[in-house]
PDB file of N, CA and C in Angstrom:
ATOM      1  N   MET A   1     -24.139   5.939   1.028  1.00  0.00           N
ATOM      2  CA  MET A   1     -22.923   6.588   0.573  1.00  0.00           C
ATOM      3  C   MET A   1     -22.175   6.944   1.724  1.00  0.00           C
ATOM      4  N   PHE A   2     -20.912   7.599   1.523  1.00  0.00           N
ATOM      5  CA  PHE A   2     -20.173   8.339   2.196  1.00  0.00           C
ATOM      6  C   PHE A   2     -20.492   9.506   2.372  1.00  0.00           C
ATOM      7  N   THR A   3     -20.395   9.826   3.778  1.00  0.00           N
ATOM      8  CA  THR A   3     -20.422  11.710   4.206  1.00  0.00           C
ATOM      9  C   THR A   3     -18.923  12.008   3.670  1.00  0.00           C
ATOM     10  N   GLU A   4     -19.110  13.143   3.922  1.00  0.00           N
ATOM     11  CA  GLU A   4     -18.161  14.013   3.961  1.00  0.00           C
ATOM     12  C   GLU A   4     -16.999  14.207   5.361  1.00  0.00           C
ATOM     13  N   GLY A   5     -17.427  13.627   6.300  1.00  0.00           N
ATOM     14  CA  GLY A   5     -17.241  13.415   7.714  1.00  0.00           C
ATOM     15  C   GLY A   5     -16.077  12.091   7.225  1.00  0.00           C
ATOM     16  N   ARG A   6     -16.895  11.092   7.063  1.00  0.00           N
ATOM     17  CA  ARG A   6     -16.662   9.877   6.516  1.00  0.00           C
ATOM     18  C   ARG A   6     -15.106   9.825   5.495  1.00  0.00           C
ATOM     19  N   LEU A   7     -15.404  10.573   4.707  1.00  0.00           N
ATOM     20  CA  LEU A   7     -13.950  10.473   3.884  1.00  0.00           C
ATOM     21  C   LEU A   7     -13.218  11.301   4.314  1.00  0.00           C
ATOM     22  N   TYR A   8     -13.287  11.936   5.086  1.00  0.00           N
ATOM     23  CA  TYR A   8     -12.419  12.805   5.608  1.00  0.00           C
ATOM     24  C   TYR A   8     -11.242  11.527   6.850  1.00  0.00           C
ATOM     25  N   PHE A   9     -12.137  10.999   7.342  1.00  0.00           N
ATOM     26  CA  PHE A   9     -12.074   9.948   8.239  1.00  0.00           C
ATOM     27  C   PHE A   9     -10.682   8.942   7.724  1.00  0.00           C
ATOM     28  N   ILE A  10     -11.303   8.230   6.634  1.00  0.00           N
ATOM     29  CA  ILE A  10     -10.664   7.478   5.855  1.00  0.00           C
ATOM     30  C   ILE A  10      -9.601   8.236   5.628  1.00  0.00           C
ATOM     31  N   LEU A  11      -8.951   8.613   4.866  1.00  0.00           N
ATOM     32  CA  LEU A  11      -8.104   9.368   4.391  1.00  0.00           C
ATOM     33  C   LEU A  11      -7.183   9.665   5.603  1.00  0.00           C
ATOM     34  N   PHE A  12      -7.397  10.401   6.477  1.00  0.00           N
ATOM     35  CA  PHE A  12      -6.643  10.817   7.675  1.00  0.00           C
ATOM     36  C   PHE A  12      -5.928   9.204   8.174  1.00  0.00           C
ATOM     37  N   PHE A  13      -7.216   8.138   8.120  1.00  0.00           N
ATOM     38  CA  PHE A  13      -6.857   6.903   8.985  1.00  0.00           C
ATOM     39  C   PHE A  13      -5.575   5.949   8.280  1.00  0.00           C
ATOM     40  N   ILE A  14      -5.884   6.142   6.780  1.00  0.00           N
ATOM     41  CA  ILE A  14      -5.213   5.521   5.572  1.00  0.00           C
ATOM     42  C   ILE A  14      -3.470   5.933   5.916  1.00  0.00           C
ATOM     43  N   LEU A  15      -3.832   7.279   5.807  1.00  0.00           N
ATOM     44  CA  LEU A  15      -1.921   8.680   6.208  1.00  0.00           C
ATOM     45  C   LEU A  15      -1.538   7.844   7.038  1.00  0.00           C
ATOM     46  N   THR A  16      -2.553   7.728   8.582  1.00  0.00           N
ATOM     47  CA  THR A  16      -1.984   7.424   9.478  1.00  0.00           C
ATOM     48  C   THR A  16      -0.930   6.264   9.654  1.00  0.00           C
ATOM     49  N   PHE A  17      -2.096   5.279   8.908  1.00  0.00           N
ATOM     50  CA  PHE A  17      -1.236   3.824   9.255  1.00  0.00           C
ATOM     51  C   PHE A  17      -0.068   3.810   8.361  1.00  0.00           C
ATOM     52  N   ILE A  18      -0.104   4.163   6.997  1.00  0.00           N
ATOM     53  CA  ILE A  18       0.681   4.257   5.830  1.00  0.00           C
ATOM     54  C   ILE A  18       2.049   4.555   7.050  1.00  0.00           C
ATOM     55  N   GLY A  19       1.890   6.244   7.600  1.00  0.00           N
ATOM     56  CA  GLY A  19       2.802   6.261   7.984  1.00  0.00           C
ATOM     57  C   GLY A  19       3.718   5.742   9.407  1.00  0.00           C
ATOM     58  N   GLY A  20       2.704   5.032  10.269  1.00  0.00           N
ATOM     59  CA  GLY A  20       2.923   3.954  11.308  1.00  0.00           C
ATOM     60  C   GLY A  20       3.933   2.907  10.498  1.00  0.00           C
ATOM     61  N   LEU A  21       3.325   2.453   9.457  1.00  0.00           N
ATOM     62  CA  LEU A  21       4.462   1.116   8.417  1.00  0.00           C
ATOM     63  C   LEU A  21       5.724   1.660   8.497  1.00  0.00           C
ATOM     64  N   ILE A  22       5.299   2.954   8.027  1.00  0.00           N
ATOM     65  CA  ILE A  22       6.961   3.096   7.500  1.00  0.00           C
ATOM     66  C   ILE A  22       7.707   3.758   8.860  1.00  0.00           C
ATOM     67  N   PHE A  23       7.623   4.488   9.592  1.00  0.00           N
ATOM     68  CA  PHE A  23       8.222   4.069  11.008  1.00  0.00           C
ATOM     69  C   PHE A  23       8.607   2.786  11.280  1.00  0.00           C
ATOM     70  N   ALA A  24       8.187   1.954  11.068  1.00  0.00           N
ATOM     71  CA  ALA A  24       8.353   0.776  12.136  1.00  0.00           C
ATOM     72  C   ALA A  24       9.167   0.014  10.768  1.00  0.00           C
ATOM     73  N   TYR A  25       8.731   0.143   9.912  1.00  0.00           N
ATOM     74  CA  TYR A  25       9.900  -0.213   8.335  1.00  0.00           C
ATOM     75  C   TYR A  25      11.338   0.100   8.917  1.00  0.00           C
ATOM     76  N   ARG A  26      11.526   1.388   9.172  1.00  0.00           N
ATOM     77  CA  ARG A  26      12.447   2.414   9.137  1.00  0.00           C
ATOM     78  C   ARG A  26      13.629   1.861  10.584  1.00  0.00           C
ATOM     79  N   LYS A  27      12.335   1.776  11.604  1.00  0.00           N
ATOM     80  CA  LYS A  27      13.125   1.171  12.387  1.00  0.00           C
ATOM     81  C   LYS A  27      14.116  -0.252  12.841  1.00  0.00           C
ATOM     82  N   ASP A  28      12.840  -1.201  12.084  1.00  0.00           N
ATOM     83  CA  ASP A  28      13.090  -2.368  12.031  1.00  0.00           C
ATOM     84  C   ASP A  28      14.588  -2.745  11.086  1.00  0.00           C
ATOM     85  N   ILE A  29      14.475  -2.302  10.033  1.00  0.00           N
ATOM     86  CA  ILE A  29      15.622  -2.213   9.152  1.00  0.00           C
ATOM     87  C   ILE A  29      17.090  -2.143   9.502  1.00  0.00           C
ATOM     88  N   LYS A  30      17.257  -0.949  10.395  1.00  0.00           N
ATOM     89  CA  LYS A  30      18.105  -0.882  11.514  1.00  0.00           C
ATOM     90  C   LYS A  30      18.796  -1.743  11.785  1.00  0.00           C
ATOM     91  N   LYS A  31      17.844  -2.784  12.768  1.00  0.00           N
ATOM     92  CA  LYS A  31      18.156  -3.678  13.648  1.00  0.00           C
ATOM     93  C   LYS A  31      18.664  -5.062  12.513  1.00  0.00           C
ATOM     94  N   ASN A  32      17.844  -5.141  11.796  1.00  0.00           N
ATOM     95  CA  ASN A  32      18.325  -6.523  10.900  1.00  0.00           C
ATOM     96  C   ASN A  32      18.333  -6.149   9.294  1.00  0.00           C
ATOM     97  N   PRO A  33      19.294  -5.809   8.868  1.00  0.00           N
ATOM     98  CA  PRO A  33      19.127  -5.272   7.683  1.00  0.00           C
ATOM     99  C   PRO A  33      19.084  -6.945   6.664  1.00  0.00           C
ATOM    100  N   LYS A  34      19.726  -7.770   7.163  1.00  0.00           N
ATOM    101  CA  LYS A  34      19.762  -9.134   6.082  1.00  0.00           C
ATOM    102  C   LYS A  34      18.215  -9.928   6.286  1.00  0.00           C
ATOM    103  N   ILE A  35      17.385  -9.182   7.030  1.00  0.00           N
ATOM    104  CA  ILE A  35      15.788  -9.503   6.679  1.00  0.00           C
ATOM    105  C   ILE A  35      15.336  -8.833   5.567  1.00  0.00           C
ATOM    106  N   PHE A  36      15.414  -7.819   5.598  1.00  0.00           N
ATOM    107  CA  PHE A  36      14.888  -6.990   4.353  1.00  0.00           C
ATOM    108  C   PHE A  36      15.502  -6.857   3.107  1.00  0.00           C
ATOM    109  N   LYS A  37      16.216  -7.433   3.151  1.00  0.00           N
ATOM    110  CA  LYS A  37      17.121  -7.247   1.981  1.00  0.00           C
ATOM    111  C   LYS A  37      16.353  -7.854   0.512  1.00  0.00           C
ATOM    112  N   GLY A  38      15.910  -6.756  -0.375  1.00  0.00           N
ATOM    113  CA  GLY A  38      15.269  -7.545  -1.373  1.00  0.00           C
ATOM    114  C   GLY A  38      13.717  -6.945  -1.339  1.00  0.00           C
ATOM    115  N   ALA A  39      13.539  -6.154   0.011  1.00  0.00           N
ATOM    116  CA  ALA A  39      11.936  -6.101   0.501  1.00  0.00           C
ATOM    117  C   ALA A  39      11.311  -4.850  -0.886  1.00  0.00           C
ATOM    118  N   SER A  40      11.926  -4.414  -1.329  1.00  0.00           N
ATOM    119  CA  SER A  40      11.652  -3.220  -2.222  1.00  0.00           C
ATOM    120  C   SER A  40      11.408  -3.712  -3.171  1.00  0.00           C
ATOM    121  N   LYS A  41      12.490  -4.922  -3.714  1.00  0.00           N
ATOM    122  CA  LYS A  41      11.672  -5.553  -5.589  1.00  0.00           C
ATOM    123  C   LYS A  41      10.484  -6.182  -4.836  1.00  0.00           C
ATOM    124  N   THR A  42      10.136  -6.876  -3.877  1.00  0.00           N
ATOM    125  CA  THR A  42       8.664  -7.492  -3.238  1.00  0.00           C
ATOM    126  C   THR A  42       7.685  -6.568  -3.377  1.00  0.00           C
ATOM    127  N   LEU A  43       7.928  -5.484  -2.875  1.00  0.00           N
ATOM    128  CA  LEU A  43       6.750  -4.373  -2.693  1.00  0.00           C
ATOM    129  C   LEU A  43       6.367  -4.083  -3.882  1.00  0.00           C
ATOM    130  N   LEU A  44       7.930  -3.884  -4.978  1.00  0.00           N
ATOM    131  CA  LEU A  44       7.286  -2.984  -6.243  1.00  0.00           C
ATOM    132  C   LEU A  44       6.438  -4.121  -7.302  1.00  0.00           C
ATOM    133  N   ILE A  45       6.594  -5.695  -7.197  1.00  0.00           N
ATOM    134  CA  ILE A  45       6.336  -7.131  -7.652  1.00  0.00           C
ATOM    135  C   ILE A  45       4.626  -7.116  -6.945  1.00  0.00           C
ATOM    136  N   ILE A  46       4.521  -6.518  -6.161  1.00  0.00           N
ATOM    137  CA  ILE A  46       2.742  -7.168  -5.288  1.00  0.00           C
ATOM    138  C   ILE A  46       2.461  -5.452  -5.721  1.00  0.00           C
ATOM    139  N   PHE A  47       2.655  -4.529  -5.678  1.00  0.00           N
ATOM    140  CA  PHE A  47       2.053  -3.267  -6.662  1.00  0.00           C
ATOM    141  C   PHE A  47       1.651  -3.869  -7.970  1.00  0.00           C
ATOM    142  N   LEU A  48       2.717  -4.333  -8.621  1.00  0.00           N
ATOM    143  CA  LEU A  48       2.425  -4.323 -10.410  1.00  0.00           C
ATOM    144  C   LEU A  48       1.433  -5.335 -10.178  1.00  0.00           C
ATOM    145  N   PHE A  49       1.350  -6.385 -10.007  1.00  0.00           N
ATOM    146  CA  PHE A  49       0.430  -7.262  -9.823  1.00  0.00           C
ATOM    147  C   PHE A  49      -0.966  -6.672  -9.691  1.00  0.00           C
ATOM    148  N   PHE A  50      -1.014  -6.474  -8.273  1.00  0.00           N
ATOM    149  CA  PHE A  50      -1.991  -5.111  -8.126  1.00  0.00           C
ATOM    150  C   PHE A  50      -2.844  -4.299  -9.371  1.00  0.00           C
ATOM    151  N   MET A  51      -1.944  -3.468  -9.568  1.00  0.00           N
ATOM    152  CA  MET A  51      -2.464  -2.156 -11.000  1.00  0.00           C
ATOM    153  C   MET A  51      -2.408  -3.225 -12.211  1.00  0.00           C
ATOM    154  N   ALA A  52      -1.939  -4.619 -12.126  1.00  0.00           N
ATOM    155  CA  ALA A  52      -2.458  -5.503 -13.274  1.00  0.00           C
ATOM    156  C   ALA A  52      -3.858  -5.898 -13.084  1.00  0.00           C
ATOM    157  N   PHE A  53      -4.357  -6.545 -12.118  1.00  0.00           N
ATOM    158  CA  PHE A  53      -5.330  -6.864 -11.703  1.00  0.00           C
ATOM    159  C   PHE A  53      -6.362  -5.680 -11.637  1.00  0.00           C
ATOM    160  N   VAL A  54      -6.167  -4.766 -11.535  1.00  0.00           N
ATOM    161  CA  VAL A  54      -7.168  -3.579 -11.905  1.00  0.00           C
ATOM    162  C   VAL A  54      -7.314  -3.137 -12.630  1.00  0.00           C
ATOM    163  N   ALA A  55      -6.247  -3.005 -13.868  1.00  0.00           N
ATOM    164  CA  ALA A  55      -6.304  -2.779 -15.257  1.00  0.00           C
ATOM    165  C   ALA A  55      -7.129  -3.932 -15.986  1.00  0.00           C
ATOM    166  N   ILE A  56      -7.030  -5.559 -15.513  1.00  0.00           N
ATOM    167  CA  ILE A  56      -7.906  -6.342 -16.070  1.00  0.00           C
ATOM    168  C   ILE A  56      -9.559  -6.159 -15.804  1.00  0.00           C
ATOM    169  N   VAL A  57      -9.842  -5.680 -14.392  1.00  0.00           N
ATOM    170  CA  VAL A  57     -11.403  -5.567 -13.944  1.00  0.00           C
ATOM    171  C   VAL A  57     -11.534  -4.731 -15.293  1.00  0.00           C
ATOM    172  N   LYS A  58     -10.986  -3.171 -15.052  1.00  0.00           N
ATOM    173  CA  LYS A  58     -11.634  -2.551 -15.514  1.00  0.00           C
ATOM    174  C   LYS A  58     -11.858  -2.392 -17.171  1.00  0.00           C
ATOM    175  N   MET A  59     -10.791  -3.501 -17.910  1.00  0.00           N
ATOM    176  CA  MET A  59     -11.012  -3.663 -19.147  1.00  0.00           C
ATOM    177  C   MET A  59     -12.203  -4.825 -19.693  1.00  0.00           C
ATOM    178  N   MET A  60     -12.554  -5.274 -18.386  1.00  0.00           N
ATOM    179  CA  MET A  60     -13.355  -6.295 -18.759  1.00  0.00           C
ATOM    180  C   MET A  60     -15.162  -5.920 -18.490  1.00  0.00           C
ATOM    181  N   LYS A  61     -15.112  -4.906 -18.261  1.00  0.00           N
ATOM    182  CA  LYS A  61     -16.653  -3.591 -18.015  1.00  0.00           C
ATOM    183  C   LYS A  61     -16.401  -3.414 -19.340  1.00  0.00           C
ATOM    184  N   PHE A  62     -15.805  -3.357 -20.342  1.00  0.00           N
ATOM    185  CA  PHE A  62     -15.974  -3.255 -21.777  1.00  0.00           C
ATOM    186  C   PHE A  62     -16.477  -4.056 -22.492  1.00  0.00           C
ATOM    187  N   PHE A  63     -16.379  -5.381 -22.084  1.00  0.00           N
ATOM    188  CA  PHE A  63     -16.779  -6.599 -23.196  1.00  0.00           C
ATOM    189  C   PHE A  63     -17.931  -7.267 -22.193  1.00  0.00           C
TER     190      PHE A  63
END
């Protein structure tokens, strides 16, 4: 199992990693706005597919 310290490390790592991604994305979008056109739609679609997958897996536990 995970200890309390490991959970704090995981949380810190994930937040720092996502913050770094956001920082890099905002920096790159200013340089090349054509490349990132429609990126929000793509991200939304990926997120929806992930949530649908999680829902299907959870529903399969009942059957």
